[in-house]
Amino acid sequence: MFTLPASGRIRSTALPAAAAVVVVSLLAATPQVAAHTGQKLVTCTVSTTPGRPITLDPPVSMTARRITARATLALTHCTSPNGAHARLRSGWLTAHGTGLGSCTNVDDISATGRITWYDADKRPAGTSVIKPDHSAIEAARSVKSYNPGDMLLGGKVTKGRLAGASVAGSAIPTSDITTCTTTGIAAVTGTGKISFIA
């Protein structure tokens, strides 16, 4: 699977660059005027679920080509460190993106994401729209040595619950990605953490 820890970085396993297309879509955002305090509003575990990997079409390989990536990720064990958003306990994050990608590089990324939130009783608790952060767009649009968590660092919530919050996380795949340079990769799974920061 692929992890999104709050630290925003992975120190070991790298994911194929084109998978960044989805990750960007999860955390992308438009510029916000509000200043950020660095206070964590909500932190969740995020993961792919059985039968729902991140899909990459066509499969990522050593040859750069236009890739479409899609993901539906589960957000669980959500907590609000300051208590302001304690109602947000879980959610589903759907994302879609495109990029010119290979096993080691992704350029020209375009993406969007949406979270549907639920409370402790599994009742709907609102939605959040996530789009690319234009202040970080250049770094996100061209990644030479891809660490998927790094792609999560430039996002903002542009609409709905947690509007204006930055999004931070990083990713570690749990599926076999060594086939990228041979047969290619059409799907990736993972698990980790994601944070929404004021």
C-alpha atoms as a PDB file:
ATOM      1  CA  MET A   1       0.000   0.000   0.000  1.00  0.00           C
ATOM      2  CA  PHE A   2       1.070   3.579   0.002  1.00  0.00           C
ATOM      3  CA  THR A   3       1.507   5.653   3.138  1.00  0.00           C
ATOM      4  CA  LEU A   4       0.893   9.327   3.688  1.00  0.00           C
ATOM      5  CA  PRO A   5       2.606  10.203   6.995  1.00  0.00           C
ATOM      6  CA  ALA A   6       2.274  13.696   8.454  1.00  0.00           C
ATOM      7  CA  SER A   7       6.015  14.267   8.172  1.00  0.00           C
ATOM      8  CA  GLY A   8       5.586  14.669   4.435  1.00  0.00           C
ATOM      9  CA  ARG A   9       8.651  12.581   3.562  1.00  0.00           C
ATOM     10  CA  ILE A  10       9.630   8.989   3.069  1.00  0.00           C
ATOM     11  CA  ARG A  11      13.156   7.918   3.742  1.00  0.00           C
ATOM     12  CA  SER A  12      13.225   4.546   2.046  1.00  0.00           C
ATOM     13  CA  THR A  13      10.878   3.082  -0.548  1.00  0.00           C
ATOM     14  CA  ALA A  14      10.221   5.164  -3.643  1.00  0.00           C
ATOM     15  CA  LEU A  15       7.056   4.892  -5.708  1.00  0.00           C
ATOM     16  CA  PRO A  16       7.020   5.195  -9.507  1.00  0.00           C
ATOM     17  CA  ALA A  17       6.867   8.834 -10.493  1.00  0.00           C
ATOM     18  CA  ALA A  18       3.586   8.643 -12.372  1.00  0.00           C
ATOM     19  CA  ALA A  19       1.755   7.604  -9.212  1.00  0.00           C
ATOM     20  CA  ALA A  20       2.399  11.196  -8.166  1.00  0.00           C
ATOM     21  CA  VAL A  21      -0.404  12.151 -10.494  1.00  0.00           C
ATOM     22  CA  VAL A  22      -2.948  10.735  -8.064  1.00  0.00           C
ATOM     23  CA  VAL A  23      -1.211  11.956  -4.968  1.00  0.00           C
ATOM     24  CA  VAL A  24      -1.139  15.461  -6.361  1.00  0.00           C
ATOM     25  CA  SER A  25      -4.814  15.211  -7.091  1.00  0.00           C
ATOM     26  CA  LEU A  26      -5.444  14.380  -3.477  1.00  0.00           C
ATOM     27  CA  LEU A  27      -3.628  17.380  -2.182  1.00  0.00           C
ATOM     28  CA  ALA A  28      -3.684  20.087  -4.780  1.00  0.00           C
ATOM     29  CA  ALA A  29      -4.969  23.612  -4.129  1.00  0.00           C
ATOM     30  CA  THR A  30      -5.418  27.170  -5.344  1.00  0.00           C
ATOM     31  CA  PRO A  31      -3.687  30.067  -3.568  1.00  0.00           C
ATOM     32  CA  GLN A  32      -5.158  31.138  -0.232  1.00  0.00           C
ATOM     33  CA  VAL A  33      -4.685  34.507   1.384  1.00  0.00           C
ATOM     34  CA  ALA A  34      -5.057  33.291   4.944  1.00  0.00           C
ATOM     35  CA  ALA A  35      -1.853  32.879   6.937  1.00  0.00           C
ATOM     36  CA  HIS A  36      -1.157  29.412   8.340  1.00  0.00           C
ATOM     37  CA  THR A  37      -0.238  28.845  11.973  1.00  0.00           C
ATOM     38  CA  GLY A  38       1.189  25.343  11.543  1.00  0.00           C
ATOM     39  CA  GLN A  39      -1.417  23.924  13.930  1.00  0.00           C
ATOM     40  CA  LYS A  40      -2.729  20.467  12.995  1.00  0.00           C
ATOM     41  CA  LEU A  41      -6.500  20.566  12.581  1.00  0.00           C
ATOM     42  CA  VAL A  42      -7.087  16.912  11.643  1.00  0.00           C
ATOM     43  CA  THR A  43      -4.779  13.902  11.265  1.00  0.00           C
ATOM     44  CA  CYS A  44      -5.908  10.590   9.735  1.00  0.00           C
ATOM     45  CA  THR A  45      -4.593   7.228   8.661  1.00  0.00           C
ATOM     46  CA  VAL A  46      -4.988   6.971   4.878  1.00  0.00           C
ATOM     47  CA  SER A  47      -4.786   3.823   2.789  1.00  0.00           C
ATOM     48  CA  THR A  48      -5.897   1.994  -0.260  1.00  0.00           C
ATOM     49  CA  THR A  49      -8.476  -0.704   0.483  1.00  0.00           C
ATOM     50  CA  PRO A  50      -8.777  -4.298  -0.783  1.00  0.00           C
ATOM     51  CA  GLY A  51      -9.760  -4.285  -4.435  1.00  0.00           C
ATOM     52  CA  ARG A  52      -9.191  -0.518  -4.758  1.00  0.00           C
ATOM     53  CA  PRO A  53      -5.547   0.208  -5.629  1.00  0.00           C
ATOM     54  CA  ILE A  54      -4.309   3.411  -7.211  1.00  0.00           C
ATOM     55  CA  THR A  55      -4.655   2.675 -10.927  1.00  0.00           C
ATOM     56  CA  LEU A  56      -2.256   3.894 -13.613  1.00  0.00           C
ATOM     57  CA  ASP A  57      -3.344   3.861 -17.266  1.00  0.00           C
ATOM     58  CA  PRO A  58      -1.376   3.034 -19.300  1.00  0.00           C
ATOM     59  CA  PRO A  59       0.940   1.203 -16.869  1.00  0.00           C
ATOM     60  CA  VAL A  60       3.984   3.181 -15.720  1.00  0.00           C
ATOM     61  CA  SER A  61       7.228   1.996 -17.341  1.00  0.00           C
ATOM     62  CA  MET A  62      10.656   3.338 -18.239  1.00  0.00           C
ATOM     63  CA  THR A  63       9.168   5.049 -21.302  1.00  0.00           C
ATOM     64  CA  ALA A  64       7.657   8.454 -20.538  1.00  0.00           C
ATOM     65  CA  ARG A  65       4.048   8.775 -21.665  1.00  0.00           C
ATOM     66  CA  ARG A  66       0.806  10.481 -20.634  1.00  0.00           C
ATOM     67  CA  ILE A  67      -0.551   8.598 -17.590  1.00  0.00           C
ATOM     68  CA  THR A  68      -4.008   8.847 -16.073  1.00  0.00           C
ATOM     69  CA  ALA A  69      -4.109   7.944 -12.380  1.00  0.00           C
ATOM     70  CA  ARG A  70      -7.186   7.351 -10.222  1.00  0.00           C
ATOM     71  CA  ALA A  71      -7.540   6.579  -6.524  1.00  0.00           C
ATOM     72  CA  THR A  72     -10.173   6.035  -3.858  1.00  0.00           C
ATOM     73  CA  LEU A  73      -8.508   6.111  -0.445  1.00  0.00           C
ATOM     74  CA  ALA A  74      -9.943   5.422   3.003  1.00  0.00           C
ATOM     75  CA  LEU A  75      -9.304   7.980   5.766  1.00  0.00           C
ATOM     76  CA  THR A  76      -9.664   6.339   9.184  1.00  0.00           C
ATOM     77  CA  HIS A  77      -8.776   6.961  12.833  1.00  0.00           C
ATOM     78  CA  CYS A  78      -9.118  10.716  12.288  1.00  0.00           C
ATOM     79  CA  THR A  79      -8.423  12.946  15.269  1.00  0.00           C
ATOM     80  CA  SER A  80      -8.543  16.691  15.812  1.00  0.00           C
ATOM     81  CA  PRO A  81      -5.610  17.657  18.075  1.00  0.00           C
ATOM     82  CA  ASN A  82      -7.183  21.031  18.964  1.00  0.00           C
ATOM     83  CA  GLY A  83     -10.717  19.587  19.186  1.00  0.00           C
ATOM     84  CA  ALA A  84     -12.147  22.060  16.664  1.00  0.00           C
ATOM     85  CA  HIS A  85     -12.998  19.376  14.102  1.00  0.00           C
ATOM     86  CA  ALA A  86     -13.670  16.391  16.365  1.00  0.00           C
ATOM     87  CA  ARG A  87     -16.746  15.437  14.313  1.00  0.00           C
ATOM     88  CA  LEU A  88     -14.526  14.387  11.382  1.00  0.00           C
ATOM     89  CA  ARG A  89     -13.720  10.756  12.207  1.00  0.00           C
ATOM     90  CA  SER A  90     -13.328   9.069   8.813  1.00  0.00           C
ATOM     91  CA  GLY A  91     -13.747   9.699   5.105  1.00  0.00           C
ATOM     92  CA  TRP A  92     -13.255   8.669   1.483  1.00  0.00           C
ATOM     93  CA  LEU A  93     -10.816  10.573  -0.676  1.00  0.00           C
ATOM     94  CA  THR A  94     -11.276  10.261  -4.442  1.00  0.00           C
ATOM     95  CA  ALA A  95      -8.656  11.654  -6.810  1.00  0.00           C
ATOM     96  CA  HIS A  96      -7.976  11.845 -10.526  1.00  0.00           C
ATOM     97  CA  GLY A  97      -4.936  13.224 -12.294  1.00  0.00           C
ATOM     98  CA  THR A  98      -2.785  13.114 -15.394  1.00  0.00           C
ATOM     99  CA  GLY A  99       0.916  13.554 -16.000  1.00  0.00           C
ATOM    100  CA  LEU A 100       3.715  12.716 -18.402  1.00  0.00           C
ATOM    101  CA  GLY A 101       5.330   9.965 -16.355  1.00  0.00           C
ATOM    102  CA  SER A 102       7.852   7.133 -16.215  1.00  0.00           C
ATOM    103  CA  CYS A 103       9.370   5.046 -13.383  1.00  0.00           C
ATOM    104  CA  THR A 104      11.684   7.909 -12.403  1.00  0.00           C
ATOM    105  CA  ASN A 105      10.049  11.120 -13.554  1.00  0.00           C
ATOM    106  CA  VAL A 106       6.692  12.875 -13.857  1.00  0.00           C
ATOM    107  CA  ASP A 107       6.015  16.232 -15.541  1.00  0.00           C
ATOM    108  CA  ASP A 108       3.025  18.375 -16.482  1.00  0.00           C
ATOM    109  CA  ILE A 109       0.801  17.187 -13.630  1.00  0.00           C
ATOM    110  CA  SER A 110      -2.869  18.169 -13.454  1.00  0.00           C
ATOM    111  CA  ALA A 111      -5.062  16.809 -10.651  1.00  0.00           C
ATOM    112  CA  THR A 112      -8.038  17.236  -8.320  1.00  0.00           C
ATOM    113  CA  GLY A 113      -9.363  15.479  -5.222  1.00  0.00           C
ATOM    114  CA  ARG A 114     -12.454  15.370  -3.001  1.00  0.00           C
ATOM    115  CA  ILE A 115     -13.006  14.038   0.518  1.00  0.00           C
ATOM    116  CA  THR A 116     -16.399  12.958   1.834  1.00  0.00           C
ATOM    117  CA  TRP A 117     -16.245  13.079   5.643  1.00  0.00           C
ATOM    118  CA  TYR A 118     -18.160  10.974   8.204  1.00  0.00           C
ATOM    119  CA  ASP A 119     -18.727  11.306  11.948  1.00  0.00           C
ATOM    120  CA  ALA A 120     -18.335   8.626  14.630  1.00  0.00           C
ATOM    121  CA  ASP A 121     -21.773   7.208  13.735  1.00  0.00           C
ATOM    122  CA  LYS A 122     -20.845   6.983  10.020  1.00  0.00           C
ATOM    123  CA  ARG A 123     -23.175   9.883   9.164  1.00  0.00           C
ATOM    124  CA  PRO A 124     -22.057  12.373   6.466  1.00  0.00           C
ATOM    125  CA  ALA A 125     -20.123  15.285   7.998  1.00  0.00           C
ATOM    126  CA  GLY A 126     -19.328  17.390   4.927  1.00  0.00           C
ATOM    127  CA  THR A 127     -16.884  17.455   2.042  1.00  0.00           C
ATOM    128  CA  SER A 128     -13.505  19.000   1.220  1.00  0.00           C
ATOM    129  CA  VAL A 129     -12.177  19.849  -2.235  1.00  0.00           C
ATOM    130  CA  ILE A 130      -8.387  19.693  -2.648  1.00  0.00           C
ATOM    131  CA  LYS A 131      -6.514  21.298  -5.541  1.00  0.00           C
ATOM    132  CA  PRO A 132      -2.868  22.161  -6.411  1.00  0.00           C
ATOM    133  CA  ASP A 133      -1.127  24.906  -4.468  1.00  0.00           C
ATOM    134  CA  HIS A 134       0.149  27.366  -7.051  1.00  0.00           C
ATOM    135  CA  SER A 135       2.997  28.412  -4.757  1.00  0.00           C
ATOM    136  CA  ALA A 136       4.360  24.855  -5.016  1.00  0.00           C
ATOM    137  CA  ILE A 137       3.140  23.957  -8.478  1.00  0.00           C
ATOM    138  CA  GLU A 138       6.543  24.074 -10.194  1.00  0.00           C
ATOM    139  CA  ALA A 139       8.015  21.565  -7.770  1.00  0.00           C
ATOM    140  CA  ALA A 140       4.960  19.348  -8.156  1.00  0.00           C
ATOM    141  CA  ARG A 141       4.904  19.487 -11.940  1.00  0.00           C
ATOM    142  CA  SER A 142       8.388  18.092 -12.439  1.00  0.00           C
ATOM    143  CA  VAL A 143       9.778  15.431 -10.137  1.00  0.00           C
ATOM    144  CA  LYS A 144      13.046  13.774 -11.120  1.00  0.00           C
ATOM    145  CA  SER A 145      13.640  11.421  -8.200  1.00  0.00           C
ATOM    146  CA  TYR A 146      10.164  10.589  -7.092  1.00  0.00           C
ATOM    147  CA  ASN A 147       9.210  10.203  -3.485  1.00  0.00           C
ATOM    148  CA  PRO A 148       5.393  10.232  -3.472  1.00  0.00           C
ATOM    149  CA  GLY A 149       5.148  11.857  -0.071  1.00  0.00           C
ATOM    150  CA  ASP A 150       6.888  14.923  -1.423  1.00  0.00           C
ATOM    151  CA  MET A 151       4.014  15.371  -3.852  1.00  0.00           C
ATOM    152  CA  LEU A 152       1.644  15.757  -0.896  1.00  0.00           C
ATOM    153  CA  LEU A 153       3.325  18.812   0.506  1.00  0.00           C
ATOM    154  CA  GLY A 154       1.834  21.470  -1.752  1.00  0.00           C
ATOM    155  CA  GLY A 155      -1.900  20.985  -1.284  1.00  0.00           C
ATOM    156  CA  LYS A 156      -4.668  23.107   0.157  1.00  0.00           C
ATOM    157  CA  VAL A 157      -8.356  22.599   0.835  1.00  0.00           C
ATOM    158  CA  THR A 158     -10.130  25.082  -1.426  1.00  0.00           C
ATOM    159  CA  LYS A 159     -13.760  24.417  -0.533  1.00  0.00           C
ATOM    160  CA  GLY A 160     -15.883  22.802   2.173  1.00  0.00           C
ATOM    161  CA  ARG A 161     -14.740  21.485   5.548  1.00  0.00           C
ATOM    162  CA  LEU A 162     -11.238  22.654   6.539  1.00  0.00           C
ATOM    163  CA  ALA A 163     -11.231  25.245   3.719  1.00  0.00           C
ATOM    164  CA  GLY A 164      -7.891  27.073   3.593  1.00  0.00           C
ATOM    165  CA  ALA A 165      -5.984  24.297   5.390  1.00  0.00           C
ATOM    166  CA  SER A 166      -2.736  22.960   3.963  1.00  0.00           C
ATOM    167  CA  VAL A 167      -2.397  19.219   3.467  1.00  0.00           C
ATOM    168  CA  ALA A 168       0.784  17.306   4.380  1.00  0.00           C
ATOM    169  CA  GLY A 169       1.709  13.648   4.080  1.00  0.00           C
ATOM    170  CA  SER A 170       4.008  11.113   2.455  1.00  0.00           C
ATOM    171  CA  ALA A 171       3.616   7.696   0.901  1.00  0.00           C
ATOM    172  CA  ILE A 172       5.161   4.228   1.176  1.00  0.00           C
ATOM    173  CA  PRO A 173       3.954   1.541  -1.241  1.00  0.00           C
ATOM    174  CA  THR A 174       3.248  -1.967   0.040  1.00  0.00           C
ATOM    175  CA  SER A 175       2.724  -3.586  -3.341  1.00  0.00           C
ATOM    176  CA  ASP A 176       5.637  -4.740  -5.492  1.00  0.00           C
ATOM    177  CA  ILE A 177       6.955  -1.773  -7.498  1.00  0.00           C
ATOM    178  CA  THR A 178      10.142  -3.443  -8.728  1.00  0.00           C
ATOM    179  CA  THR A 179       8.377  -4.474 -11.937  1.00  0.00           C
ATOM    180  CA  CYS A 180       8.227  -0.854 -13.100  1.00  0.00           C
ATOM    181  CA  THR A 181      11.442  -1.175 -15.096  1.00  0.00           C
ATOM    182  CA  THR A 182      10.470  -4.534 -16.622  1.00  0.00           C
ATOM    183  CA  THR A 183       6.754  -5.186 -17.161  1.00  0.00           C
ATOM    184  CA  GLY A 184       5.487  -1.842 -15.850  1.00  0.00           C
ATOM    185  CA  ILE A 185       3.048  -1.019 -13.036  1.00  0.00           C
ATOM    186  CA  ALA A 186      -0.712  -0.631 -13.544  1.00  0.00           C
ATOM    187  CA  ALA A 187      -1.699  -0.420  -9.863  1.00  0.00           C
ATOM    188  CA  VAL A 188      -0.168   0.500  -6.494  1.00  0.00           C
ATOM    189  CA  THR A 189      -1.388  -0.025  -2.912  1.00  0.00           C
ATOM    190  CA  GLY A 190      -0.306   1.652   0.337  1.00  0.00           C
ATOM    191  CA  THR A 191      -1.091   3.029   3.803  1.00  0.00           C
ATOM    192  CA  GLY A 192       0.036   5.925   6.032  1.00  0.00           C
ATOM    193  CA  LYS A 193      -0.896   9.310   7.557  1.00  0.00           C
ATOM    194  CA  ILE A 194      -2.213  12.616   6.270  1.00  0.00           C
ATOM    195  CA  SER A 195      -2.594  15.922   8.128  1.00  0.00           C
ATOM    196  CA  PHE A 196      -4.621  19.074   7.549  1.00  0.00           C
ATOM    197  CA  ILE A 197      -2.786  22.100   8.937  1.00  0.00           C
ATOM    198  CA  ALA A 198      -4.006  25.632   9.721  1.00  0.00           C
END
